[in-house]
C-alpha atoms as a PDB file:
ATOM      1  CA  MET A   1     252.210 162.505 219.647  1.00  0.00           C
ATOM      2  CA  LEU A   2     249.582 164.234 221.823  1.00  0.00           C
ATOM      3  CA  LYS A   3     250.302 165.552 225.317  1.00  0.00           C
ATOM      4  CA  VAL A   4     247.535 166.894 227.531  1.00  0.00           C
ATOM      5  CA  ASN A   5     249.174 168.636 230.463  1.00  0.00           C
ATOM      6  CA  ASN A   6     247.323 169.471 233.694  1.00  0.00           C
ATOM      7  CA  ILE A   7     244.239 171.009 232.098  1.00  0.00           C
ATOM      8  CA  ASP A   8     241.281 172.492 233.974  1.00  0.00           C
ATOM      9  CA  VAL A   9     238.119 173.047 231.903  1.00  0.00           C
ATOM     10  CA  SER A  10     234.856 174.742 232.875  1.00  0.00           C
ATOM     11  CA  TYR A  11     231.480 175.548 231.349  1.00  0.00           C
ATOM     12  CA  GLY A  12     230.846 178.965 232.806  1.00  0.00           C
ATOM     13  CA  ASP A  13     231.098 178.622 236.579  1.00  0.00           C
ATOM     14  CA  VAL A  14     230.912 174.817 236.491  1.00  0.00           C
ATOM     15  CA  GLN A  15     234.287 173.091 236.423  1.00  0.00           C
ATOM     16  CA  VAL A  16     234.290 169.776 234.560  1.00  0.00           C
ATOM     17  CA  LEU A  17     237.976 168.754 234.372  1.00  0.00           C
ATOM     18  CA  TRP A  18     240.568 169.021 237.123  1.00  0.00           C
ATOM     19  CA  ASP A  19     244.301 168.765 236.424  1.00  0.00           C
ATOM     20  CA  VAL A  20     243.860 166.185 233.643  1.00  0.00           C
ATOM     21  CA  SER A  21     247.060 164.866 232.063  1.00  0.00           C
ATOM     22  CA  PHE A  22     247.626 162.038 229.596  1.00  0.00           C
ATOM     23  CA  GLU A  23     249.499 161.265 226.409  1.00  0.00           C
ATOM     24  CA  VAL A  24     248.706 159.479 223.161  1.00  0.00           C
ATOM     25  CA  ARG A  25     251.572 157.703 221.440  1.00  0.00           C
ATOM     26  CA  GLU A  26     251.952 157.431 217.700  1.00  0.00           C
ATOM     27  CA  LYS A  27     249.994 154.614 215.979  1.00  0.00           C
ATOM     28  CA  GLU A  28     248.362 153.306 219.161  1.00  0.00           C
ATOM     29  CA  ILE A  29     244.727 153.019 220.222  1.00  0.00           C
ATOM     30  CA  LEU A  30     244.272 154.934 223.456  1.00  0.00           C
ATOM     31  CA  VAL A  31     240.969 154.760 225.329  1.00  0.00           C
ATOM     32  CA  LEU A  32     239.347 157.078 227.865  1.00  0.00           C
ATOM     33  CA  ILE A  33     236.738 155.267 229.925  1.00  0.00           C
ATOM     34  CA  GLY A  34     234.385 156.606 232.551  1.00  0.00           C
ATOM     35  CA  ALA A  35     230.740 157.013 233.494  1.00  0.00           C
ATOM     36  CA  ASN A  36     228.363 159.564 231.969  1.00  0.00           C
ATOM     37  CA  GLY A  37     229.367 163.034 233.110  1.00  0.00           C
ATOM     38  CA  ALA A  38     232.953 162.051 233.894  1.00  0.00           C
ATOM     39  CA  GLY A  39     234.324 164.587 231.401  1.00  0.00           C
ATOM     40  CA  LYS A  40     235.270 162.339 228.476  1.00  0.00           C
ATOM     41  CA  SER A  41     233.484 164.313 225.751  1.00  0.00           C
ATOM     42  CA  THR A  42     234.694 167.581 227.258  1.00  0.00           C
ATOM     43  CA  THR A  43     238.257 166.287 226.979  1.00  0.00           C
ATOM     44  CA  LEU A  44     237.842 165.617 223.248  1.00  0.00           C
ATOM     45  CA  ARG A  45     236.107 168.978 222.719  1.00  0.00           C
ATOM     46  CA  THR A  46     239.019 170.709 224.417  1.00  0.00           C
ATOM     47  CA  ILE A  47     241.585 168.939 222.242  1.00  0.00           C
ATOM     48  CA  SER A  48     239.543 169.992 219.181  1.00  0.00           C
ATOM     49  CA  GLY A  49     239.510 173.610 220.352  1.00  0.00           C
ATOM     50  CA  LEU A  50     235.749 173.755 220.971  1.00  0.00           C
ATOM     51  CA  GLN A  51     236.495 174.400 224.651  1.00  0.00           C
ATOM     52  CA  ARG A  52     239.469 176.260 226.063  1.00  0.00           C
ATOM     53  CA  PRO A  53     241.343 175.108 229.151  1.00  0.00           C
ATOM     54  CA  ALA A  54     241.505 177.577 232.020  1.00  0.00           C
ATOM     55  CA  LYS A  55     244.832 176.037 233.002  1.00  0.00           C
ATOM     56  CA  GLY A  56     247.387 173.711 231.436  1.00  0.00           C
ATOM     57  CA  SER A  57     248.372 173.018 227.837  1.00  0.00           C
ATOM     58  CA  ILE A  58     247.676 170.666 224.919  1.00  0.00           C
ATOM     59  CA  GLU A  59     250.507 169.863 222.527  1.00  0.00           C
ATOM     60  CA  PHE A  60     250.236 167.871 219.286  1.00  0.00           C
ATOM     61  CA  ASP A  61     253.316 167.249 217.165  1.00  0.00           C
ATOM     62  CA  ARG A  62     254.973 170.239 218.861  1.00  0.00           C
ATOM     63  CA  VAL A  63     252.023 172.559 218.141  1.00  0.00           C
ATOM     64  CA  ARG A  64     250.239 174.142 221.109  1.00  0.00           C
ATOM     65  CA  LEU A  65     246.593 173.427 220.279  1.00  0.00           C
ATOM     66  CA  ASP A  66     245.383 175.655 223.094  1.00  0.00           C
ATOM     67  CA  GLN A  67     247.065 178.621 221.392  1.00  0.00           C
ATOM     68  CA  ILE A  68     245.675 178.296 217.854  1.00  0.00           C
ATOM     69  CA  PRO A  69     242.171 179.056 216.484  1.00  0.00           C
ATOM     70  CA  GLU A  70     239.840 176.056 216.626  1.00  0.00           C
ATOM     71  CA  HIS A  71     239.418 175.899 212.826  1.00  0.00           C
ATOM     72  CA  LYS A  72     243.176 175.356 212.503  1.00  0.00           C
ATOM     73  CA  THR A  73     243.112 172.179 214.609  1.00  0.00           C
ATOM     74  CA  VAL A  74     242.194 169.964 211.655  1.00  0.00           C
ATOM     75  CA  GLU A  75     245.169 171.322 209.709  1.00  0.00           C
ATOM     76  CA  THR A  76     247.524 169.972 212.386  1.00  0.00           C
ATOM     77  CA  GLY A  77     246.293 166.432 211.631  1.00  0.00           C
ATOM     78  CA  ILE A  78     243.466 165.867 214.136  1.00  0.00           C
ATOM     79  CA  ALA A  79     239.933 164.807 213.202  1.00  0.00           C
ATOM     80  CA  HIS A  80     237.000 164.422 215.609  1.00  0.00           C
ATOM     81  CA  VAL A  81     234.117 161.990 215.017  1.00  0.00           C
ATOM     82  CA  PRO A  82     231.588 163.462 217.457  1.00  0.00           C
ATOM     83  CA  GLU A  83     228.970 161.760 219.580  1.00  0.00           C
ATOM     84  CA  GLY A  84     225.682 161.542 217.699  1.00  0.00           C
ATOM     85  CA  ARG A  85     227.415 161.694 214.280  1.00  0.00           C
ATOM     86  CA  ARG A  86     226.449 165.366 213.620  1.00  0.00           C
ATOM     87  CA  LEU A  87     225.993 164.924 209.881  1.00  0.00           C
ATOM     88  CA  PHE A  88     224.370 167.534 207.642  1.00  0.00           C
ATOM     89  CA  PRO A  89     220.983 165.821 207.174  1.00  0.00           C
ATOM     90  CA  GLU A  90     219.915 167.663 203.999  1.00  0.00           C
ATOM     91  CA  MET A  91     223.218 167.006 202.238  1.00  0.00           C
ATOM     92  CA  THR A  92     224.076 163.797 200.420  1.00  0.00           C
ATOM     93  CA  VAL A  93     226.521 161.223 201.716  1.00  0.00           C
ATOM     94  CA  GLU A  94     229.182 162.409 199.290  1.00  0.00           C
ATOM     95  CA  GLU A  95     228.608 166.074 200.165  1.00  0.00           C
ATOM     96  CA  ASN A  96     229.040 165.215 203.855  1.00  0.00           C
ATOM     97  CA  LEU A  97     232.276 163.408 203.066  1.00  0.00           C
ATOM     98  CA  ILE A  98     233.580 166.337 201.034  1.00  0.00           C
ATOM     99  CA  MET A  99     232.960 168.624 204.030  1.00  0.00           C
ATOM    100  CA  GLY A 100     235.739 166.708 205.772  1.00  0.00           C
ATOM    101  CA  SER A 101     238.292 167.663 203.132  1.00  0.00           C
ATOM    102  CA  LEU A 102     238.338 171.453 203.190  1.00  0.00           C
ATOM    103  CA  SER A 103     241.886 171.990 204.433  1.00  0.00           C
ATOM    104  CA  PRO A 104     244.393 172.699 201.622  1.00  0.00           C
ATOM    105  CA  MET A 105     246.207 169.362 201.915  1.00  0.00           C
ATOM    106  CA  ALA A 106     242.995 167.323 202.143  1.00  0.00           C
ATOM    107  CA  LYS A 107     241.425 169.200 199.254  1.00  0.00           C
ATOM    108  CA  ALA A 108     244.427 168.444 197.035  1.00  0.00           C
ATOM    109  CA  LYS A 109     244.028 164.696 197.692  1.00  0.00           C
ATOM    110  CA  ARG A 110     240.222 164.628 197.816  1.00  0.00           C
ATOM    111  CA  LYS A 111     239.624 162.186 194.938  1.00  0.00           C
ATOM    112  CA  GLU A 112     242.206 159.722 196.204  1.00  0.00           C
ATOM    113  CA  THR A 113     240.902 159.885 199.782  1.00  0.00           C
ATOM    114  CA  LEU A 114     237.300 159.534 198.648  1.00  0.00           C
ATOM    115  CA  ARG A 115     238.229 156.318 196.833  1.00  0.00           C
ATOM    116  CA  ARG A 116     239.870 155.059 200.024  1.00  0.00           C
ATOM    117  CA  VAL A 117     236.779 155.854 202.122  1.00  0.00           C
ATOM    118  CA  TYR A 118     234.531 154.080 199.628  1.00  0.00           C
ATOM    119  CA  SER A 119     236.817 151.050 199.687  1.00  0.00           C
ATOM    120  CA  LEU A 120     236.528 150.942 203.490  1.00  0.00           C
ATOM    121  CA  PHE A 121     232.775 151.539 203.418  1.00  0.00           C
ATOM    122  CA  PRO A 122     231.304 150.155 200.158  1.00  0.00           C
ATOM    123  CA  ARG A 123     227.813 150.881 201.479  1.00  0.00           C
ATOM    124  CA  LEU A 124     228.578 154.595 201.458  1.00  0.00           C
ATOM    125  CA  GLU A 125     229.478 154.443 197.787  1.00  0.00           C
ATOM    126  CA  GLU A 126     226.187 152.683 197.080  1.00  0.00           C
ATOM    127  CA  ARG A 127     224.354 155.486 198.907  1.00  0.00           C
ATOM    128  CA  ARG A 128     226.570 158.401 197.916  1.00  0.00           C
ATOM    129  CA  LYS A 129     223.677 160.363 196.351  1.00  0.00           C
ATOM    130  CA  GLN A 130     221.254 159.760 199.234  1.00  0.00           C
ATOM    131  CA  TYR A 131     220.517 162.438 201.826  1.00  0.00           C
ATOM    132  CA  ALA A 132     222.252 161.712 205.120  1.00  0.00           C
ATOM    133  CA  ARG A 133     218.923 161.823 206.991  1.00  0.00           C
ATOM    134  CA  THR A 134     217.734 158.759 205.059  1.00  0.00           C
ATOM    135  CA  LEU A 135     220.590 156.541 206.275  1.00  0.00           C
ATOM    136  CA  SER A 136     220.309 153.986 209.062  1.00  0.00           C
ATOM    137  CA  GLY A 137     222.158 154.626 212.328  1.00  0.00           C
ATOM    138  CA  GLY A 138     225.020 152.358 211.321  1.00  0.00           C
ATOM    139  CA  GLU A 139     225.326 153.984 207.912  1.00  0.00           C
ATOM    140  CA  GLN A 140     225.342 157.424 209.504  1.00  0.00           C
ATOM    141  CA  GLN A 141     228.184 156.333 211.783  1.00  0.00           C
ATOM    142  CA  MET A 142     230.119 155.067 208.762  1.00  0.00           C
ATOM    143  CA  CYS A 143     229.576 158.417 207.072  1.00  0.00           C
ATOM    144  CA  ALA A 144     230.782 160.306 210.158  1.00  0.00           C
ATOM    145  CA  ILE A 145     233.931 158.171 210.303  1.00  0.00           C
ATOM    146  CA  GLY A 146     234.457 158.605 206.565  1.00  0.00           C
ATOM    147  CA  ARG A 147     234.129 162.378 206.911  1.00  0.00           C
ATOM    148  CA  GLY A 148     236.833 162.295 209.586  1.00  0.00           C
ATOM    149  CA  LEU A 149     239.118 160.256 207.348  1.00  0.00           C
ATOM    150  CA  MET A 150     238.653 162.739 204.494  1.00  0.00           C
ATOM    151  CA  SER A 151     240.834 165.220 206.387  1.00  0.00           C
ATOM    152  CA  ILE A 152     243.739 162.702 206.211  1.00  0.00           C
ATOM    153  CA  PRO A 153     244.253 162.719 209.987  1.00  0.00           C
ATOM    154  CA  LYS A 154     247.272 161.565 211.923  1.00  0.00           C
ATOM    155  CA  LEU A 155     245.024 161.280 215.001  1.00  0.00           C
ATOM    156  CA  LEU A 156     241.352 160.310 214.754  1.00  0.00           C
ATOM    157  CA  MET A 157     239.217 160.872 217.856  1.00  0.00           C
ATOM    158  CA  PHE A 158     235.990 158.904 218.326  1.00  0.00           C
ATOM    159  CA  ASP A 159     233.304 159.951 220.821  1.00  0.00           C
ATOM    160  CA  GLU A 160     230.919 157.070 221.654  1.00  0.00           C
ATOM    161  CA  PRO A 161     230.916 155.513 218.148  1.00  0.00           C
ATOM    162  CA  SER A 162     228.718 152.580 219.219  1.00  0.00           C
ATOM    163  CA  LEU A 163     225.997 154.731 220.799  1.00  0.00           C
ATOM    164  CA  GLY A 164     222.522 153.647 219.702  1.00  0.00           C
ATOM    165  CA  LEU A 165     223.691 150.887 217.372  1.00  0.00           C
ATOM    166  CA  ALA A 166     222.558 147.267 217.286  1.00  0.00           C
ATOM    167  CA  PRO A 167     225.104 144.787 218.741  1.00  0.00           C
ATOM    168  CA  VAL A 168     226.029 143.357 215.320  1.00  0.00           C
ATOM    169  CA  LEU A 169     226.785 146.877 214.035  1.00  0.00           C
ATOM    170  CA  VAL A 170     228.813 147.662 217.138  1.00  0.00           C
ATOM    171  CA  GLN A 171     231.161 144.811 216.268  1.00  0.00           C
ATOM    172  CA  ASP A 172     231.494 146.154 212.711  1.00  0.00           C
ATOM    173  CA  ILE A 173     232.398 149.628 213.990  1.00  0.00           C
ATOM    174  CA  PHE A 174     235.065 148.286 216.351  1.00  0.00           C
ATOM    175  CA  ARG A 175     236.555 146.155 213.579  1.00  0.00           C
ATOM    176  CA  MET A 176     236.694 149.242 211.371  1.00  0.00           C
ATOM    177  CA  ILE A 177     238.419 151.266 214.104  1.00  0.00           C
ATOM    178  CA  GLU A 178     241.042 148.532 214.415  1.00  0.00           C
ATOM    179  CA  LYS A 179     241.515 148.456 210.641  1.00  0.00           C
ATOM    180  CA  ILE A 180     241.951 152.241 210.466  1.00  0.00           C
ATOM    181  CA  ASN A 181     244.555 152.018 213.214  1.00  0.00           C
ATOM    182  CA  GLN A 182     246.376 149.159 211.460  1.00  0.00           C
ATOM    183  CA  GLU A 183     246.667 151.413 208.406  1.00  0.00           C
ATOM    184  CA  GLY A 184     248.696 153.878 210.467  1.00  0.00           C
ATOM    185  CA  VAL A 185     246.164 156.275 211.982  1.00  0.00           C
ATOM    186  CA  THR A 186     246.505 156.892 215.722  1.00  0.00           C
ATOM    187  CA  VAL A 187     243.184 156.537 217.571  1.00  0.00           C
ATOM    188  CA  LEU A 188     241.845 158.248 220.695  1.00  0.00           C
ATOM    189  CA  LEU A 189     238.606 156.511 221.657  1.00  0.00           C
ATOM    190  CA  VAL A 190     235.917 157.506 224.154  1.00  0.00           C
ATOM    191  CA  GLU A 191     233.413 154.699 224.614  1.00  0.00           C
ATOM    192  CA  GLN A 192     231.112 153.289 227.309  1.00  0.00           C
ATOM    193  CA  ASN A 193     231.444 149.731 226.002  1.00  0.00           C
ATOM    194  CA  VAL A 194     234.329 149.190 228.414  1.00  0.00           C
ATOM    195  CA  LYS A 195     234.992 145.498 227.854  1.00  0.00           C
ATOM    196  CA  GLN A 196     235.157 145.893 224.085  1.00  0.00           C
ATOM    197  CA  THR A 197     237.351 148.980 224.123  1.00  0.00           C
ATOM    198  CA  LEU A 198     239.825 147.635 226.670  1.00  0.00           C
ATOM    199  CA  SER A 199     240.172 144.445 224.623  1.00  0.00           C
ATOM    200  CA  ILE A 200     241.299 146.331 221.488  1.00  0.00           C
ATOM    201  CA  CYS A 201     243.321 149.226 222.930  1.00  0.00           C
ATOM    202  CA  ASN A 202     247.005 149.526 223.701  1.00  0.00           C
ATOM    203  CA  ARG A 203     246.527 151.688 226.779  1.00  0.00           C
ATOM    204  CA  ALA A 204     243.689 153.345 228.676  1.00  0.00           C
ATOM    205  CA  TYR A 205     242.969 156.018 231.257  1.00  0.00           C
ATOM    206  CA  VAL A 206     240.011 156.004 233.643  1.00  0.00           C
ATOM    207  CA  LEU A 207     238.316 159.383 234.097  1.00  0.00           C
ATOM    208  CA  GLU A 208     236.074 159.828 237.135  1.00  0.00           C
ATOM    209  CA  ASN A 209     234.420 163.085 238.175  1.00  0.00           C
ATOM    210  CA  GLY A 210     236.735 165.051 235.925  1.00  0.00           C
ATOM    211  CA  ARG A 211     239.965 163.502 237.185  1.00  0.00           C
ATOM    212  CA  ILE A 212     242.264 160.747 235.909  1.00  0.00           C
ATOM    213  CA  VAL A 213     242.237 158.014 238.558  1.00  0.00           C
ATOM    214  CA  LEU A 214     243.829 155.032 236.792  1.00  0.00           C
ATOM    215  CA  GLU A 215     245.964 154.255 233.778  1.00  0.00           C
ATOM    216  CA  GLY A 216     247.458 151.137 232.276  1.00  0.00           C
ATOM    217  CA  ARG A 217     247.430 148.688 229.414  1.00  0.00           C
ATOM    218  CA  GLY A 218     244.031 147.504 228.266  1.00  0.00           C
ATOM    219  CA  GLN A 219     244.357 143.959 229.614  1.00  0.00           C
ATOM    220  CA  GLU A 220     245.692 145.233 232.933  1.00  0.00           C
ATOM    221  CA  LEU A 221     242.639 147.423 233.431  1.00  0.00           C
ATOM    222  CA  LEU A 222     240.289 144.613 232.380  1.00  0.00           C
ATOM    223  CA  ASN A 223     241.676 142.696 235.368  1.00  0.00           C
ATOM    224  CA  ASP A 224     241.734 145.673 237.743  1.00  0.00           C
ATOM    225  CA  PRO A 225     239.300 145.134 240.677  1.00  0.00           C
ATOM    226  CA  HIS A 226     237.996 148.731 240.597  1.00  0.00           C
ATOM    227  CA  VAL A 227     237.347 148.676 236.858  1.00  0.00           C
ATOM    228  CA  ARG A 228     235.678 145.263 237.048  1.00  0.00           C
ATOM    229  CA  GLU A 229     233.365 146.392 239.829  1.00  0.00           C
ATOM    230  CA  ALA A 230     232.596 149.913 238.594  1.00  0.00           C
ATOM    231  CA  TYR A 231     232.345 149.350 234.833  1.00  0.00           C
ATOM    232  CA  LEU A 232     231.929 145.634 234.168  1.00  0.00           C
ATOM    233  CA  GLY A 233     229.594 144.766 237.033  1.00  0.00           C
ATOM    234  CA  ILE A 234     231.836 141.931 238.223  1.00  0.00           C
END
């Protein structure tokens, strides 16, 4: 579904990714794990078109993402739930959700998709007229995920969805990610909660210092000596 081929990415003179390649298969949960600064968020930003690779290519459903304007990425079927939620704080919950459905196809199905989001997140429907800034951290994360779903994505990318949440809410978010995937949406997940993510994913890649160093099925990497030592403290 998604093929990232040998990309190099820099911020000015500082190179962040070196020759990164991986693929995401349809209807799977794929995870990128790595320490802070490894290049995980940069990888998602590059897929979204917010950064441009200096070398290599990114192909999604036979469309070269690195050759189209960034605002067209969502029309190909990709949605990005960014780190830190990035909601519009002075807009209501429902207004934030509607902002996710501005492409022609999503706009045509807005009412139907909004009902689906509210069925997944009943709390958002209860708070649909509240300003986003008044929500709790968990509610804001629900709203960010809902906004991503409003674009009717084929691939939904999550960047650190559990960041700053209480442990009980973290479990809720992971259950919701699994449910979204079970309904047919492919998931690309960046997350520092390594044990949790490897336990729910189909496959994973390990990104260290801007390079892919390991890949495998989730359970395989949970048992890998390097992963256990570097990321699980075992």
